[in-house]
Amino acid sequence: MSSVADQLNKVLHKTSQLIELCNALQEENDLLKLENQHTKQSLETAKNKEKELDEKLRVLKLAKSIEGTSEKTLDIKQKINDFVREIDKCVVLLKK
């Protein structure tokens, strides 16, 4: 009889250990899910920043390509700079 009771105690002990291990793994899984979500948000923010910088670069290249000394060219540059400032303001408002 004693061996059956001993075996039952071993099974109960191992079951308890498995439950503890399962709980620990569940906590680790929850932490990893949270970290993954944070990483995805960081990636999305970086992608948005990259798009914003690409647009600024495009505008600056355009401004460089039409560089000149005529009054009309200076007026175009001013308009482009105004557009860039306006875009920057909109981006700041969107981030809030």
N, C-alpha and C. Protein backbone atom coordinates (compact mmCIF):
# COMPACT_ATOMS: atom_id res chain seq x y z
N MET A 1 0.81 -1.19 0.00
CA MET A 1 0.00 0.00 0.00
C MET A 1 0.86 1.26 0.00
N SER A 2 1.94 1.18 0.74
CA SER A 2 2.80 2.33 0.88
C SER A 2 3.36 2.79 -0.47
N SER A 3 3.65 1.83 -1.35
CA SER A 3 4.23 2.21 -2.62
C SER A 3 3.20 2.92 -3.49
N VAL A 4 1.92 2.54 -3.39
CA VAL A 4 0.88 3.23 -4.15
C VAL A 4 0.74 4.66 -3.63
N ALA A 5 0.77 4.83 -2.33
CA ALA A 5 0.67 6.15 -1.73
C ALA A 5 1.90 6.99 -2.12
N ASP A 6 3.08 6.36 -2.14
CA ASP A 6 4.29 7.07 -2.53
C ASP A 6 4.21 7.50 -3.99
N GLN A 7 3.73 6.62 -4.84
CA GLN A 7 3.59 6.95 -6.25
C GLN A 7 2.58 8.08 -6.45
N LEU A 8 1.49 8.02 -5.70
CA LEU A 8 0.49 9.07 -5.78
C LEU A 8 1.07 10.40 -5.32
N ASN A 9 1.86 10.38 -4.26
CA ASN A 9 2.51 11.61 -3.78
C ASN A 9 3.48 12.16 -4.82
N LYS A 10 4.22 11.27 -5.49
CA LYS A 10 5.14 11.70 -6.54
C LYS A 10 4.38 12.34 -7.70
N VAL A 11 3.26 11.72 -8.06
CA VAL A 11 2.45 12.26 -9.16
C VAL A 11 1.91 13.63 -8.77
N LEU A 12 1.43 13.76 -7.55
CA LEU A 12 0.91 15.05 -7.09
C LEU A 12 2.02 16.10 -7.04
N HIS A 13 3.20 15.69 -6.60
CA HIS A 13 4.32 16.62 -6.53
C HIS A 13 4.72 17.08 -7.93
N LYS A 14 4.83 16.14 -8.85
CA LYS A 14 5.19 16.49 -10.23
C LYS A 14 4.11 17.35 -10.87
N THR A 15 2.85 17.08 -10.59
CA THR A 15 1.76 17.89 -11.11
C THR A 15 1.86 19.31 -10.58
N SER A 16 2.17 19.44 -9.31
CA SER A 16 2.34 20.76 -8.70
C SER A 16 3.50 21.51 -9.37
N GLN A 17 4.59 20.80 -9.63
CA GLN A 17 5.74 21.42 -10.29
C GLN A 17 5.36 21.86 -11.71
N LEU A 18 4.61 21.04 -12.42
CA LEU A 18 4.18 21.40 -13.77
C LEU A 18 3.27 22.62 -13.76
N ILE A 19 2.40 22.71 -12.77
CA ILE A 19 1.51 23.87 -12.66
C ILE A 19 2.33 25.13 -12.40
N GLU A 20 3.32 25.04 -11.52
CA GLU A 20 4.20 26.18 -11.25
C GLU A 20 4.97 26.59 -12.50
N LEU A 21 5.48 25.60 -13.22
CA LEU A 21 6.21 25.88 -14.46
C LEU A 21 5.28 26.52 -15.49
N CYS A 22 4.06 26.02 -15.59
CA CYS A 22 3.09 26.58 -16.52
C CYS A 22 2.79 28.04 -16.17
N ASN A 23 2.61 28.33 -14.90
CA ASN A 23 2.35 29.70 -14.48
C ASN A 23 3.54 30.62 -14.79
N ALA A 24 4.75 30.12 -14.55
CA ALA A 24 5.94 30.92 -14.84
C ALA A 24 6.04 31.19 -16.34
N LEU A 25 5.77 30.17 -17.14
CA LEU A 25 5.83 30.34 -18.60
C LEU A 25 4.74 31.29 -19.09
N GLN A 26 3.59 31.26 -18.46
CA GLN A 26 2.51 32.17 -18.85
C GLN A 26 2.89 33.62 -18.55
N GLU A 27 3.53 33.85 -17.39
CA GLU A 27 3.99 35.20 -17.06
C GLU A 27 5.05 35.67 -18.06
N GLU A 28 5.97 34.78 -18.40
CA GLU A 28 7.01 35.14 -19.37
C GLU A 28 6.38 35.44 -20.73
N ASN A 29 5.40 34.64 -21.11
CA ASN A 29 4.69 34.85 -22.38
C ASN A 29 4.00 36.21 -22.38
N ASP A 30 3.36 36.57 -21.29
CA ASP A 30 2.69 37.87 -21.20
C ASP A 30 3.70 39.02 -21.34
N LEU A 31 4.86 38.87 -20.68
CA LEU A 31 5.89 39.90 -20.78
C LEU A 31 6.42 40.01 -22.21
N LEU A 32 6.61 38.88 -22.85
CA LEU A 32 7.10 38.89 -24.23
C LEU A 32 6.07 39.50 -25.19
N LYS A 33 4.79 39.26 -24.94
CA LYS A 33 3.75 39.87 -25.77
C LYS A 33 3.77 41.39 -25.61
N LEU A 34 3.94 41.84 -24.38
CA LEU A 34 4.00 43.28 -24.12
C LEU A 34 5.23 43.90 -24.80
N GLU A 35 6.36 43.22 -24.69
CA GLU A 35 7.58 43.71 -25.34
C GLU A 35 7.41 43.74 -26.86
N ASN A 36 6.77 42.72 -27.40
CA ASN A 36 6.52 42.66 -28.84
C ASN A 36 5.63 43.82 -29.29
N GLN A 37 4.61 44.11 -28.53
CA GLN A 37 3.71 45.21 -28.85
C GLN A 37 4.47 46.54 -28.83
N HIS A 38 5.32 46.71 -27.84
CA HIS A 38 6.12 47.94 -27.74
C HIS A 38 7.06 48.07 -28.93
N THR A 39 7.67 46.96 -29.31
CA THR A 39 8.59 46.97 -30.45
C THR A 39 7.85 47.31 -31.74
N LYS A 40 6.64 46.77 -31.90
CA LYS A 40 5.85 47.09 -33.10
C LYS A 40 5.50 48.57 -33.14
N GLN A 41 5.17 49.14 -32.00
CA GLN A 41 4.85 50.56 -31.94
C GLN A 41 6.09 51.39 -32.29
N SER A 42 7.23 50.99 -31.78
CA SER A 42 8.47 51.70 -32.08
C SER A 42 8.79 51.63 -33.56
N LEU A 43 8.57 50.46 -34.15
CA LEU A 43 8.82 50.29 -35.58
C LEU A 43 7.89 51.18 -36.40
N GLU A 44 6.63 51.24 -36.01
CA GLU A 44 5.66 52.07 -36.72
C GLU A 44 6.05 53.55 -36.63
N THR A 45 6.49 53.98 -35.45
CA THR A 45 6.94 55.35 -35.27
C THR A 45 8.16 55.64 -36.15
N ALA A 46 9.08 54.70 -36.20
CA ALA A 46 10.27 54.88 -37.03
C ALA A 46 9.90 54.95 -38.51
N LYS A 47 8.95 54.13 -38.93
CA LYS A 47 8.51 54.16 -40.34
C LYS A 47 7.88 55.51 -40.67
N ASN A 48 7.05 56.02 -39.76
CA ASN A 48 6.43 57.33 -39.98
C ASN A 48 7.48 58.42 -40.05
N LYS A 49 8.47 58.36 -39.19
CA LYS A 49 9.55 59.35 -39.19
C LYS A 49 10.33 59.27 -40.50
N GLU A 50 10.55 58.05 -40.98
CA GLU A 50 11.28 57.86 -42.23
C GLU A 50 10.49 58.49 -43.39
N LYS A 51 9.18 58.27 -43.42
CA LYS A 51 8.36 58.86 -44.48
C LYS A 51 8.42 60.38 -44.43
N GLU A 52 8.36 60.91 -43.22
CA GLU A 52 8.42 62.37 -43.05
C GLU A 52 9.75 62.92 -43.55
N LEU A 53 10.84 62.26 -43.20
CA LEU A 53 12.15 62.71 -43.64
C LEU A 53 12.33 62.56 -45.15
N ASP A 54 11.77 61.49 -45.71
CA ASP A 54 11.83 61.31 -47.16
C ASP A 54 11.12 62.45 -47.87
N GLU A 55 9.97 62.85 -47.33
CA GLU A 55 9.21 63.95 -47.93
C GLU A 55 10.00 65.25 -47.84
N LYS A 56 10.62 65.49 -46.70
CA LYS A 56 11.44 66.70 -46.55
C LYS A 56 12.61 66.68 -47.53
N LEU A 57 13.22 65.52 -47.68
CA LEU A 57 14.33 65.40 -48.61
C LEU A 57 13.88 65.68 -50.04
N ARG A 58 12.72 65.15 -50.40
CA ARG A 58 12.19 65.38 -51.74
C ARG A 58 11.96 66.87 -51.99
N VAL A 59 11.38 67.53 -50.99
CA VAL A 59 11.12 68.97 -51.12
C VAL A 59 12.44 69.75 -51.22
N LEU A 60 13.41 69.36 -50.42
CA LEU A 60 14.70 70.06 -50.47
C LEU A 60 15.40 69.84 -51.81
N LYS A 61 15.31 68.63 -52.34
CA LYS A 61 15.89 68.37 -53.66
C LYS A 61 15.20 69.20 -54.73
N LEU A 62 13.88 69.30 -54.61
CA LEU A 62 13.12 70.12 -55.55
C LEU A 62 13.55 71.57 -55.45
N ALA A 63 13.71 72.04 -54.24
CA ALA A 63 14.13 73.43 -54.04
C ALA A 63 15.52 73.67 -54.62
N LYS A 64 16.41 72.71 -54.43
CA LYS A 64 17.77 72.84 -54.98
C LYS A 64 17.75 72.86 -56.50
N SER A 65 16.87 72.04 -57.08
CA SER A 65 16.85 71.92 -58.54
C SER A 65 16.34 73.20 -59.21
N ILE A 66 15.54 73.97 -58.50
CA ILE A 66 15.02 75.20 -59.10
C ILE A 66 15.75 76.43 -58.57
N GLU A 67 16.92 76.18 -57.99
CA GLU A 67 17.71 77.27 -57.42
C GLU A 67 18.14 78.25 -58.53
N GLY A 68 17.96 79.50 -58.27
CA GLY A 68 18.33 80.52 -59.24
C GLY A 68 18.27 81.89 -58.59
N THR A 69 18.48 82.92 -59.37
CA THR A 69 18.52 84.26 -58.80
C THR A 69 17.33 85.12 -59.21
N SER A 70 16.50 84.63 -60.09
CA SER A 70 15.38 85.46 -60.53
C SER A 70 14.36 85.63 -59.41
N GLU A 71 13.60 86.68 -59.49
CA GLU A 71 12.58 86.97 -58.48
C GLU A 71 11.53 85.87 -58.44
N LYS A 72 11.20 85.33 -59.59
CA LYS A 72 10.21 84.26 -59.65
C LYS A 72 10.72 83.02 -58.91
N THR A 73 11.99 82.68 -59.09
CA THR A 73 12.58 81.53 -58.42
C THR A 73 12.59 81.74 -56.92
N LEU A 74 12.94 82.93 -56.48
CA LEU A 74 12.95 83.22 -55.04
C LEU A 74 11.55 83.10 -54.47
N ASP A 75 10.56 83.53 -55.23
CA ASP A 75 9.18 83.41 -54.79
C ASP A 75 8.77 81.94 -54.66
N ILE A 76 9.21 81.12 -55.60
CA ILE A 76 8.90 79.69 -55.55
C ILE A 76 9.57 79.05 -54.34
N LYS A 77 10.82 79.42 -54.09
CA LYS A 77 11.52 78.90 -52.92
C LYS A 77 10.79 79.26 -51.63
N GLN A 78 10.33 80.49 -51.56
CA GLN A 78 9.61 80.95 -50.37
C GLN A 78 8.33 80.14 -50.18
N LYS A 79 7.63 79.91 -51.29
CA LYS A 79 6.40 79.12 -51.20
C LYS A 79 6.69 77.69 -50.74
N ILE A 80 7.75 77.12 -51.27
CA ILE A 80 8.13 75.76 -50.86
C ILE A 80 8.48 75.74 -49.38
N ASN A 81 9.24 76.71 -48.92
CA ASN A 81 9.58 76.79 -47.49
C ASN A 81 8.33 76.94 -46.64
N ASP A 82 7.39 77.74 -47.11
CA ASP A 82 6.13 77.90 -46.39
C ASP A 82 5.38 76.57 -46.32
N PHE A 83 5.36 75.84 -47.44
CA PHE A 83 4.70 74.53 -47.45
C PHE A 83 5.37 73.57 -46.46
N VAL A 84 6.69 73.58 -46.44
CA VAL A 84 7.42 72.70 -45.52
C VAL A 84 7.08 73.05 -44.08
N ARG A 85 7.06 74.33 -43.76
CA ARG A 85 6.69 74.74 -42.40
C ARG A 85 5.27 74.31 -42.06
N GLU A 86 4.37 74.46 -43.00
CA GLU A 86 2.98 74.07 -42.79
C GLU A 86 2.87 72.55 -42.57
N ILE A 87 3.61 71.79 -43.37
CA ILE A 87 3.63 70.33 -43.20
C ILE A 87 4.17 69.97 -41.83
N ASP A 88 5.23 70.63 -41.40
CA ASP A 88 5.80 70.38 -40.08
C ASP A 88 4.78 70.66 -38.97
N LYS A 89 4.05 71.74 -39.11
CA LYS A 89 3.03 72.07 -38.11
C LYS A 89 1.96 70.99 -38.08
N CYS A 90 1.54 70.53 -39.24
CA CYS A 90 0.51 69.48 -39.31
C CYS A 90 1.01 68.19 -38.68
N VAL A 91 2.27 67.83 -38.92
CA VAL A 91 2.83 66.62 -38.34
C VAL A 91 2.85 66.73 -36.83
N VAL A 92 3.23 67.89 -36.32
CA VAL A 92 3.25 68.09 -34.86
C VAL A 92 1.85 67.94 -34.30
N LEU A 93 0.86 68.52 -34.98
CA LEU A 93 -0.52 68.40 -34.51
C LEU A 93 -1.01 66.94 -34.54
N LEU A 94 -0.60 66.21 -35.56
CA LEU A 94 -1.00 64.80 -35.66
C LEU A 94 -0.38 63.96 -34.56
N LYS A 95 0.81 64.32 -34.13
CA LYS A 95 1.49 63.56 -33.09
C LYS A 95 0.85 63.77 -31.72
N LYS A 96 0.15 64.89 -31.56
CA LYS A 96 -0.47 65.17 -30.25
C LYS A 96 -1.67 64.36 -30.11
